[in-house]
Amino acid sequence: MKAGKHGLTTVQMEVLELLRKIAHSPATESEFHVHVQNLKASTHWKESTLLQKWFDWKWLKNAKRGMWCFRSSRLNTRVTTIQMC
């Protein structure tokens, strides 16, 4: 988004805030979808076809990998090691 070719340099922080709300939807999948709809209703979304393409093909396609609301369905384990001298 920092690159000028994306056309979002002047509204970068606003778009990032909308994306963070989607990524950090903590509770439910329905909350996740509400935040996605908020992004798609924004003027930044409507004015930038590059943002639309990137979001649909790259970001949303991999949503279940990193979104907070989908993490409870994954098994997370912590591995610790002790270095012995």
PDB file of N, CA and C in Angstrom:
ATOM      1  N   MET A   1       0.804  -1.190   0.000  1.00  0.00           N
ATOM      2  CA  MET A   1       0.000   0.000   0.000  1.00  0.00           C
ATOM      3  C   MET A   1       0.850   1.258   0.000  1.00  0.00           C
ATOM      4  N   LYS A   2       2.092   1.125   0.408  1.00  0.00           N
ATOM      5  CA  LYS A   2       2.953   2.299   0.457  1.00  0.00           C
ATOM      6  C   LYS A   2       3.338   2.779  -0.935  1.00  0.00           C
ATOM      7  N   ALA A   3       3.381   1.872  -1.883  1.00  0.00           N
ATOM      8  CA  ALA A   3       3.787   2.234  -3.240  1.00  0.00           C
ATOM      9  C   ALA A   3       2.743   3.152  -3.874  1.00  0.00           C
ATOM     10  N   GLY A   4       3.222   4.163  -4.559  1.00  0.00           N
ATOM     11  CA  GLY A   4       2.339   5.118  -5.205  1.00  0.00           C
ATOM     12  C   GLY A   4       1.484   4.508  -6.296  1.00  0.00           C
ATOM     13  N   LYS A   5       1.930   3.396  -6.859  1.00  0.00           N
ATOM     14  CA  LYS A   5       1.172   2.778  -7.948  1.00  0.00           C
ATOM     15  C   LYS A   5      -0.174   2.239  -7.485  1.00  0.00           C
ATOM     16  N   HIS A   6      -0.339   2.021  -6.175  1.00  0.00           N
ATOM     17  CA  HIS A   6      -1.604   1.518  -5.668  1.00  0.00           C
ATOM     18  C   HIS A   6      -2.646   2.615  -5.498  1.00  0.00           C
ATOM     19  N   GLY A   7      -2.207   3.869  -5.511  1.00  0.00           N
ATOM     20  CA  GLY A   7      -3.136   4.985  -5.428  1.00  0.00           C
ATOM     21  C   GLY A   7      -3.744   5.193  -4.053  1.00  0.00           C
ATOM     22  N   LEU A   8      -3.127   4.654  -3.015  1.00  0.00           N
ATOM     23  CA  LEU A   8      -3.692   4.764  -1.673  1.00  0.00           C
ATOM     24  C   LEU A   8      -2.786   5.519  -0.706  1.00  0.00           C
ATOM     25  N   THR A   9      -1.781   6.199  -1.212  1.00  0.00           N
ATOM     26  CA  THR A   9      -0.816   6.842  -0.323  1.00  0.00           C
ATOM     27  C   THR A   9      -1.453   7.904   0.560  1.00  0.00           C
ATOM     28  N   THR A  10      -2.435   8.611   0.081  1.00  0.00           N
ATOM     29  CA  THR A  10      -3.050   9.679   0.874  1.00  0.00           C
ATOM     30  C   THR A  10      -4.048   9.145   1.895  1.00  0.00           C
ATOM     31  N   VAL A  11      -4.585   7.969   1.681  1.00  0.00           N
ATOM     32  CA  VAL A  11      -5.583   7.398   2.599  1.00  0.00           C
ATOM     33  C   VAL A  11      -5.094   6.087   3.219  1.00  0.00           C
ATOM     34  N   GLN A  12      -3.798   5.899   3.203  1.00  0.00           N
ATOM     35  CA  GLN A  12      -3.214   4.633   3.651  1.00  0.00           C
ATOM     36  C   GLN A  12      -3.622   4.278   5.081  1.00  0.00           C
ATOM     37  N   MET A  13      -3.551   5.218   6.008  1.00  0.00           N
ATOM     38  CA  MET A  13      -3.862   4.927   7.408  1.00  0.00           C
ATOM     39  C   MET A  13      -5.336   4.564   7.588  1.00  0.00           C
ATOM     40  N   GLU A  14      -6.212   5.201   6.849  1.00  0.00           N
ATOM     41  CA  GLU A  14      -7.645   4.891   6.945  1.00  0.00           C
ATOM     42  C   GLU A  14      -7.946   3.485   6.439  1.00  0.00           C
ATOM     43  N   VAL A  15      -7.328   3.114   5.328  1.00  0.00           N
ATOM     44  CA  VAL A  15      -7.532   1.775   4.767  1.00  0.00           C
ATOM     45  C   VAL A  15      -6.923   0.722   5.690  1.00  0.00           C
ATOM     46  N   LEU A  16      -5.748   0.997   6.234  1.00  0.00           N
ATOM     47  CA  LEU A  16      -5.126   0.062   7.171  1.00  0.00           C
ATOM     48  C   LEU A  16      -5.999  -0.153   8.409  1.00  0.00           C
ATOM     49  N   GLU A  17      -6.631   0.896   8.892  1.00  0.00           N
ATOM     50  CA  GLU A  17      -7.516   0.767  10.050  1.00  0.00           C
ATOM     51  C   GLU A  17      -8.697  -0.141   9.731  1.00  0.00           C
ATOM     52  N   LEU A  18      -9.269  -0.006   8.543  1.00  0.00           N
ATOM     53  CA  LEU A  18     -10.368  -0.882   8.129  1.00  0.00           C
ATOM     54  C   LEU A  18      -9.905  -2.331   8.016  1.00  0.00           C
ATOM     55  N   LEU A  19      -8.705  -2.549   7.479  1.00  0.00           N
ATOM     56  CA  LEU A  19      -8.162  -3.904   7.347  1.00  0.00           C
ATOM     57  C   LEU A  19      -7.845  -4.513   8.713  1.00  0.00           C
ATOM     58  N   ARG A  20      -7.347  -3.691   9.632  1.00  0.00           N
ATOM     59  CA  ARG A  20      -7.063  -4.203  10.979  1.00  0.00           C
ATOM     60  C   ARG A  20      -8.340  -4.627  11.699  1.00  0.00           C
ATOM     61  N   LYS A  21      -9.404  -3.873  11.506  1.00  0.00           N
ATOM     62  CA  LYS A  21     -10.671  -4.246  12.135  1.00  0.00           C
ATOM     63  C   LYS A  21     -11.144  -5.608  11.630  1.00  0.00           C
ATOM     64  N   ILE A  22     -10.905  -5.869  10.362  1.00  0.00           N
ATOM     65  CA  ILE A  22     -11.281  -7.173   9.803  1.00  0.00           C
ATOM     66  C   ILE A  22     -10.383  -8.255  10.402  1.00  0.00           C
ATOM     67  N   ALA A  23      -9.090  -8.024  10.395  1.00  0.00           N
ATOM     68  CA  ALA A  23      -8.137  -9.023  10.872  1.00  0.00           C
ATOM     69  C   ALA A  23      -8.299  -9.314  12.356  1.00  0.00           C
ATOM     70  N   HIS A  24      -8.686  -8.320  13.122  1.00  0.00           N
ATOM     71  CA  HIS A  24      -8.770  -8.475  14.572  1.00  0.00           C
ATOM     72  C   HIS A  24     -10.193  -8.702  15.060  1.00  0.00           C
ATOM     73  N   SER A  25     -11.075  -9.139  14.199  1.00  0.00           N
ATOM     74  CA  SER A  25     -12.439  -9.466  14.622  1.00  0.00           C
ATOM     75  C   SER A  25     -12.352 -10.638  15.599  1.00  0.00           C
ATOM     76  N   PRO A  26     -12.486 -10.376  16.885  1.00  0.00           N
ATOM     77  CA  PRO A  26     -12.144 -11.395  17.860  1.00  0.00           C
ATOM     78  C   PRO A  26     -13.189 -12.471  18.104  1.00  0.00           C
ATOM     79  N   ALA A  27     -14.433 -12.127  18.054  1.00  0.00           N
ATOM     80  CA  ALA A  27     -15.432 -13.033  18.606  1.00  0.00           C
ATOM     81  C   ALA A  27     -16.003 -14.023  17.600  1.00  0.00           C
ATOM     82  N   THR A  28     -16.628 -13.518  16.568  1.00  0.00           N
ATOM     83  CA  THR A  28     -17.383 -14.411  15.700  1.00  0.00           C
ATOM     84  C   THR A  28     -17.106 -14.136  14.233  1.00  0.00           C
ATOM     85  N   GLU A  29     -17.474 -15.095  13.446  1.00  0.00           N
ATOM     86  CA  GLU A  29     -17.349 -14.942  11.997  1.00  0.00           C
ATOM     87  C   GLU A  29     -18.308 -13.875  11.483  1.00  0.00           C
ATOM     88  N   SER A  30     -19.462 -13.707  12.130  1.00  0.00           N
ATOM     89  CA  SER A  30     -20.410 -12.684  11.690  1.00  0.00           C
ATOM     90  C   SER A  30     -19.837 -11.283  11.891  1.00  0.00           C
ATOM     91  N   GLU A  31     -19.073 -11.084  12.968  1.00  0.00           N
ATOM     92  CA  GLU A  31     -18.406  -9.801  13.192  1.00  0.00           C
ATOM     93  C   GLU A  31     -17.366  -9.551  12.100  1.00  0.00           C
ATOM     94  N   PHE A  32     -16.677 -10.596  11.702  1.00  0.00           N
ATOM     95  CA  PHE A  32     -15.715 -10.527  10.607  1.00  0.00           C
ATOM     96  C   PHE A  32     -16.409 -10.027   9.335  1.00  0.00           C
ATOM     97  N   HIS A  33     -17.572 -10.611   9.021  1.00  0.00           N
ATOM     98  CA  HIS A  33     -18.294 -10.225   7.811  1.00  0.00           C
ATOM     99  C   HIS A  33     -18.830  -8.798   7.888  1.00  0.00           C
ATOM    100  N   VAL A  34     -19.188  -8.327   9.065  1.00  0.00           N
ATOM    101  CA  VAL A  34     -19.631  -6.936   9.234  1.00  0.00           C
ATOM    102  C   VAL A  34     -18.494  -5.985   8.886  1.00  0.00           C
ATOM    103  N   HIS A  35     -17.289  -6.293   9.359  1.00  0.00           N
ATOM    104  CA  HIS A  35     -16.134  -5.439   9.063  1.00  0.00           C
ATOM    105  C   HIS A  35     -15.765  -5.481   7.581  1.00  0.00           C
ATOM    106  N   VAL A  36     -15.922  -6.624   6.945  1.00  0.00           N
ATOM    107  CA  VAL A  36     -15.677  -6.719   5.502  1.00  0.00           C
ATOM    108  C   VAL A  36     -16.675  -5.829   4.755  1.00  0.00           C
ATOM    109  N   GLN A  37     -17.932  -5.863   5.170  1.00  0.00           N
ATOM    110  CA  GLN A  37     -18.944  -5.019   4.525  1.00  0.00           C
ATOM    111  C   GLN A  37     -18.663  -3.533   4.755  1.00  0.00           C
ATOM    112  N   ASN A  38     -18.143  -3.182   5.931  1.00  0.00           N
ATOM    113  CA  ASN A  38     -17.773  -1.784   6.195  1.00  0.00           C
ATOM    114  C   ASN A  38     -16.676  -1.324   5.242  1.00  0.00           C
ATOM    115  N   LEU A  39     -15.700  -2.186   4.991  1.00  0.00           N
ATOM    116  CA  LEU A  39     -14.649  -1.846   4.030  1.00  0.00           C
ATOM    117  C   LEU A  39     -15.248  -1.656   2.644  1.00  0.00           C
ATOM    118  N   LYS A  40     -16.090  -2.585   2.237  1.00  0.00           N
ATOM    119  CA  LYS A  40     -16.650  -2.522   0.889  1.00  0.00           C
ATOM    120  C   LYS A  40     -17.628  -1.360   0.709  1.00  0.00           C
ATOM    121  N   ALA A  41     -18.131  -0.807   1.803  1.00  0.00           N
ATOM    122  CA  ALA A  41     -19.021   0.356   1.728  1.00  0.00           C
ATOM    123  C   ALA A  41     -18.244   1.674   1.734  1.00  0.00           C
ATOM    124  N   SER A  42     -16.946   1.612   2.019  1.00  0.00           N
ATOM    125  CA  SER A  42     -16.148   2.838   2.110  1.00  0.00           C
ATOM    126  C   SER A  42     -15.884   3.437   0.736  1.00  0.00           C
ATOM    127  N   THR A  43     -15.629   4.724   0.736  1.00  0.00           N
ATOM    128  CA  THR A  43     -15.325   5.412  -0.528  1.00  0.00           C
ATOM    129  C   THR A  43     -13.986   4.942  -1.095  1.00  0.00           C
ATOM    130  N   HIS A  44     -13.060   4.579  -0.210  1.00  0.00           N
ATOM    131  CA  HIS A  44     -11.750   4.096  -0.665  1.00  0.00           C
ATOM    132  C   HIS A  44     -11.913   2.828  -1.492  1.00  0.00           C
ATOM    133  N   TRP A  45     -12.794   1.957  -1.057  1.00  0.00           N
ATOM    134  CA  TRP A  45     -13.072   0.707  -1.779  1.00  0.00           C
ATOM    135  C   TRP A  45     -13.686   1.010  -3.140  1.00  0.00           C
ATOM    136  N   LYS A  46     -14.656   1.886  -3.151  1.00  0.00           N
ATOM    137  CA  LYS A  46     -15.388   2.193  -4.382  1.00  0.00           C
ATOM    138  C   LYS A  46     -14.522   2.905  -5.411  1.00  0.00           C
ATOM    139  N   GLU A  47     -13.521   3.634  -4.942  1.00  0.00           N
ATOM    140  CA  GLU A  47     -12.675   4.404  -5.850  1.00  0.00           C
ATOM    141  C   GLU A  47     -11.428   3.649  -6.321  1.00  0.00           C
ATOM    142  N   SER A  48     -11.116   2.522  -5.704  1.00  0.00           N
ATOM    143  CA  SER A  48      -9.868   1.831  -6.035  1.00  0.00           C
ATOM    144  C   SER A  48     -10.123   0.394  -6.476  1.00  0.00           C
ATOM    145  N   THR A  49     -10.062   0.177  -7.775  1.00  0.00           N
ATOM    146  CA  THR A  49     -10.211  -1.191  -8.276  1.00  0.00           C
ATOM    147  C   THR A  49      -9.002  -2.050  -7.897  1.00  0.00           C
ATOM    148  N   LEU A  50      -7.830  -1.412  -7.737  1.00  0.00           N
ATOM    149  CA  LEU A  50      -6.642  -2.159  -7.310  1.00  0.00           C
ATOM    150  C   LEU A  50      -6.824  -2.704  -5.896  1.00  0.00           C
ATOM    151  N   LEU A  51      -7.399  -1.909  -5.008  1.00  0.00           N
ATOM    152  CA  LEU A  51      -7.681  -2.367  -3.650  1.00  0.00           C
ATOM    153  C   LEU A  51      -8.676  -3.519  -3.680  1.00  0.00           C
ATOM    154  N   GLN A  52      -9.692  -3.404  -4.496  1.00  0.00           N
ATOM    155  CA  GLN A  52     -10.707  -4.463  -4.600  1.00  0.00           C
ATOM    156  C   GLN A  52     -10.080  -5.778  -5.067  1.00  0.00           C
ATOM    157  N   LYS A  53      -9.271  -5.688  -6.112  1.00  0.00           N
ATOM    158  CA  LYS A  53      -8.634  -6.896  -6.645  1.00  0.00           C
ATOM    159  C   LYS A  53      -7.678  -7.507  -5.630  1.00  0.00           C
ATOM    160  N   TRP A  54      -6.845  -6.694  -5.008  1.00  0.00           N
ATOM    161  CA  TRP A  54      -5.882  -7.188  -4.035  1.00  0.00           C
ATOM    162  C   TRP A  54      -6.592  -7.842  -2.857  1.00  0.00           C
ATOM    163  N   PHE A  55      -7.613  -7.176  -2.341  1.00  0.00           N
ATOM    164  CA  PHE A  55      -8.323  -7.702  -1.182  1.00  0.00           C
ATOM    165  C   PHE A  55      -9.000  -9.030  -1.502  1.00  0.00           C
ATOM    166  N   ASP A  56      -9.685  -9.094  -2.623  1.00  0.00           N
ATOM    167  CA  ASP A  56     -10.416 -10.317  -2.982  1.00  0.00           C
ATOM    168  C   ASP A  56      -9.481 -11.475  -3.332  1.00  0.00           C
ATOM    169  N   TRP A  57      -8.385 -11.204  -4.031  1.00  0.00           N
ATOM    170  CA  TRP A  57      -7.523 -12.276  -4.514  1.00  0.00           C
ATOM    171  C   TRP A  57      -6.422 -12.666  -3.547  1.00  0.00           C
ATOM    172  N   LYS A  58      -5.943 -11.734  -2.762  1.00  0.00           N
ATOM    173  CA  LYS A  58      -4.818 -12.035  -1.870  1.00  0.00           C
ATOM    174  C   LYS A  58      -5.253 -12.133  -0.402  1.00  0.00           C
ATOM    175  N   TRP A  59      -5.894 -11.102   0.076  1.00  0.00           N
ATOM    176  CA  TRP A  59      -6.148 -10.972   1.503  1.00  0.00           C
ATOM    177  C   TRP A  59      -7.311 -11.845   1.961  1.00  0.00           C
ATOM    178  N   LEU A  60      -8.444 -11.706   1.324  1.00  0.00           N
ATOM    179  CA  LEU A  60      -9.637 -12.446   1.734  1.00  0.00           C
ATOM    180  C   LEU A  60      -9.495 -13.937   1.466  1.00  0.00           C
ATOM    181  N   LYS A  61      -8.772 -14.262   0.427  1.00  0.00           N
ATOM    182  CA  LYS A  61      -8.558 -15.664   0.061  1.00  0.00           C
ATOM    183  C   LYS A  61      -7.844 -16.428   1.182  1.00  0.00           C
ATOM    184  N   ASN A  62      -7.001 -15.736   1.933  1.00  0.00           N
ATOM    185  CA  ASN A  62      -6.236 -16.348   3.017  1.00  0.00           C
ATOM    186  C   ASN A  62      -6.755 -15.951   4.400  1.00  0.00           C
ATOM    187  N   ALA A  63      -8.007 -15.549   4.473  1.00  0.00           N
ATOM    188  CA  ALA A  63      -8.558 -15.021   5.721  1.00  0.00           C
ATOM    189  C   ALA A  63      -8.489 -16.014   6.871  1.00  0.00           C
ATOM    190  N   LYS A  64      -8.788 -17.254   6.627  1.00  0.00           N
ATOM    191  CA  LYS A  64      -8.835 -18.227   7.718  1.00  0.00           C
ATOM    192  C   LYS A  64      -7.455 -18.533   8.286  1.00  0.00           C
ATOM    193  N   ARG A  65      -6.435 -18.156   7.585  1.00  0.00           N
ATOM    194  CA  ARG A  65      -5.081 -18.439   8.055  1.00  0.00           C
ATOM    195  C   ARG A  65      -4.702 -17.556   9.241  1.00  0.00           C
ATOM    196  N   GLY A  66      -5.081 -16.290   9.224  1.00  0.00           N
ATOM    197  CA  GLY A  66      -4.585 -15.396  10.261  1.00  0.00           C
ATOM    198  C   GLY A  66      -5.603 -14.604  11.048  1.00  0.00           C
ATOM    199  N   MET A  67      -6.867 -14.671  10.692  1.00  0.00           N
ATOM    200  CA  MET A  67      -7.864 -13.873  11.380  1.00  0.00           C
ATOM    201  C   MET A  67      -8.137 -14.406  12.777  1.00  0.00           C
ATOM    202  N   TRP A  68      -8.306 -13.511  13.720  1.00  0.00           N
ATOM    203  CA  TRP A  68      -8.511 -13.893  15.110  1.00  0.00           C
ATOM    204  C   TRP A  68      -9.766 -14.739  15.299  1.00  0.00           C
ATOM    205  N   CYS A  69     -10.833 -14.397  14.587  1.00  0.00           N
ATOM    206  CA  CYS A  69     -12.089 -15.119  14.805  1.00  0.00           C
ATOM    207  C   CYS A  69     -12.020 -16.560  14.318  1.00  0.00           C
ATOM    208  N   PHE A  70     -11.047 -16.897  13.479  1.00  0.00           N
ATOM    209  CA  PHE A  70     -10.908 -18.263  12.989  1.00  0.00           C
ATOM    210  C   PHE A  70      -9.856 -19.061  13.758  1.00  0.00           C
ATOM    211  N   ARG A  71      -9.136 -18.421  14.647  1.00  0.00           N
ATOM    212  CA  ARG A  71      -8.031 -19.085  15.333  1.00  0.00           C
ATOM    213  C   ARG A  71      -8.482 -20.160  16.305  1.00  0.00           C
ATOM    214  N   SER A  72      -9.666 -20.030  16.859  1.00  0.00           N
ATOM    215  CA  SER A  72     -10.106 -21.030  17.841  1.00  0.00           C
ATOM    216  C   SER A  72     -10.307 -22.401  17.207  1.00  0.00           C
ATOM    217  N   SER A  73     -10.431 -22.440  15.897  1.00  0.00           N
ATOM    218  CA  SER A  73     -10.621 -23.725  15.221  1.00  0.00           C
ATOM    219  C   SER A  73      -9.296 -24.411  14.905  1.00  0.00           C
ATOM    220  N   ARG A  74      -8.186 -23.767  15.242  1.00  0.00           N
ATOM    221  CA  ARG A  74      -6.875 -24.354  14.987  1.00  0.00           C
ATOM    222  C   ARG A  74      -6.256 -24.843  16.285  1.00  0.00           C
ATOM    223  N   LEU A  75      -5.381 -25.772  16.182  1.00  0.00           N
ATOM    224  CA  LEU A  75      -4.636 -26.251  17.327  1.00  0.00           C
ATOM    225  C   LEU A  75      -3.350 -25.450  17.422  1.00  0.00           C
ATOM    226  N   ASN A  76      -3.188 -24.761  18.525  1.00  0.00           N
ATOM    227  CA  ASN A  76      -1.968 -23.991  18.760  1.00  0.00           C
ATOM    228  C   ASN A  76      -1.230 -24.624  19.930  1.00  0.00           C
ATOM    229  N   THR A  77       0.031 -24.928  19.730  1.00  0.00           N
ATOM    230  CA  THR A  77       0.838 -25.492  20.799  1.00  0.00           C
ATOM    231  C   THR A  77       2.097 -24.682  20.974  1.00  0.00           C
ATOM    232  N   ARG A  78       2.572 -24.650  22.180  1.00  0.00           N
ATOM    233  CA  ARG A  78       3.806 -23.936  22.487  1.00  0.00           C
ATOM    234  C   ARG A  78       4.887 -24.971  22.739  1.00  0.00           C
ATOM    235  N   VAL A  79       6.017 -24.759  22.137  1.00  0.00           N
ATOM    236  CA  VAL A  79       7.163 -25.648  22.329  1.00  0.00           C
ATOM    237  C   VAL A  79       8.269 -24.817  22.936  1.00  0.00           C
ATOM    238  N   THR A  80       8.771 -25.284  24.078  1.00  0.00           N
ATOM    239  CA  THR A  80       9.891 -24.590  24.711  1.00  0.00           C
ATOM    240  C   THR A  80      11.057 -25.557  24.827  1.00  0.00           C
ATOM    241  N   THR A  81      12.220 -25.003  24.791  1.00  0.00           N
ATOM    242  CA  THR A  81      13.416 -25.824  24.922  1.00  0.00           C
ATOM    243  C   THR A  81      14.299 -25.242  26.003  1.00  0.00           C
ATOM    244  N   ILE A  82      15.047 -26.086  26.633  1.00  0.00           N
ATOM    245  CA  ILE A  82      15.984 -25.655  27.667  1.00  0.00           C
ATOM    246  C   ILE A  82      17.379 -26.028  27.203  1.00  0.00           C
ATOM    247  N   GLN A  83      18.231 -25.056  27.216  1.00  0.00           N
ATOM    248  CA  GLN A  83      19.605 -25.314  26.812  1.00  0.00           C
ATOM    249  C   GLN A  83      20.393 -25.745  28.039  1.00  0.00           C
ATOM    250  N   MET A  84      20.960 -26.915  27.964  1.00  0.00           N
ATOM    251  CA  MET A  84      21.734 -27.430  29.092  1.00  0.00           C
ATOM    252  C   MET A  84      23.221 -27.345  28.753  1.00  0.00           C
ATOM    253  N   CYS A  85      23.985 -26.864  29.693  1.00  0.00           N
ATOM    254  CA  CYS A  85      25.433 -26.709  29.481  1.00  0.00           C
ATOM    255  C   CYS A  85      26.207 -27.862  30.043  1.00  0.00           C
TER     256      CYS A  85
END
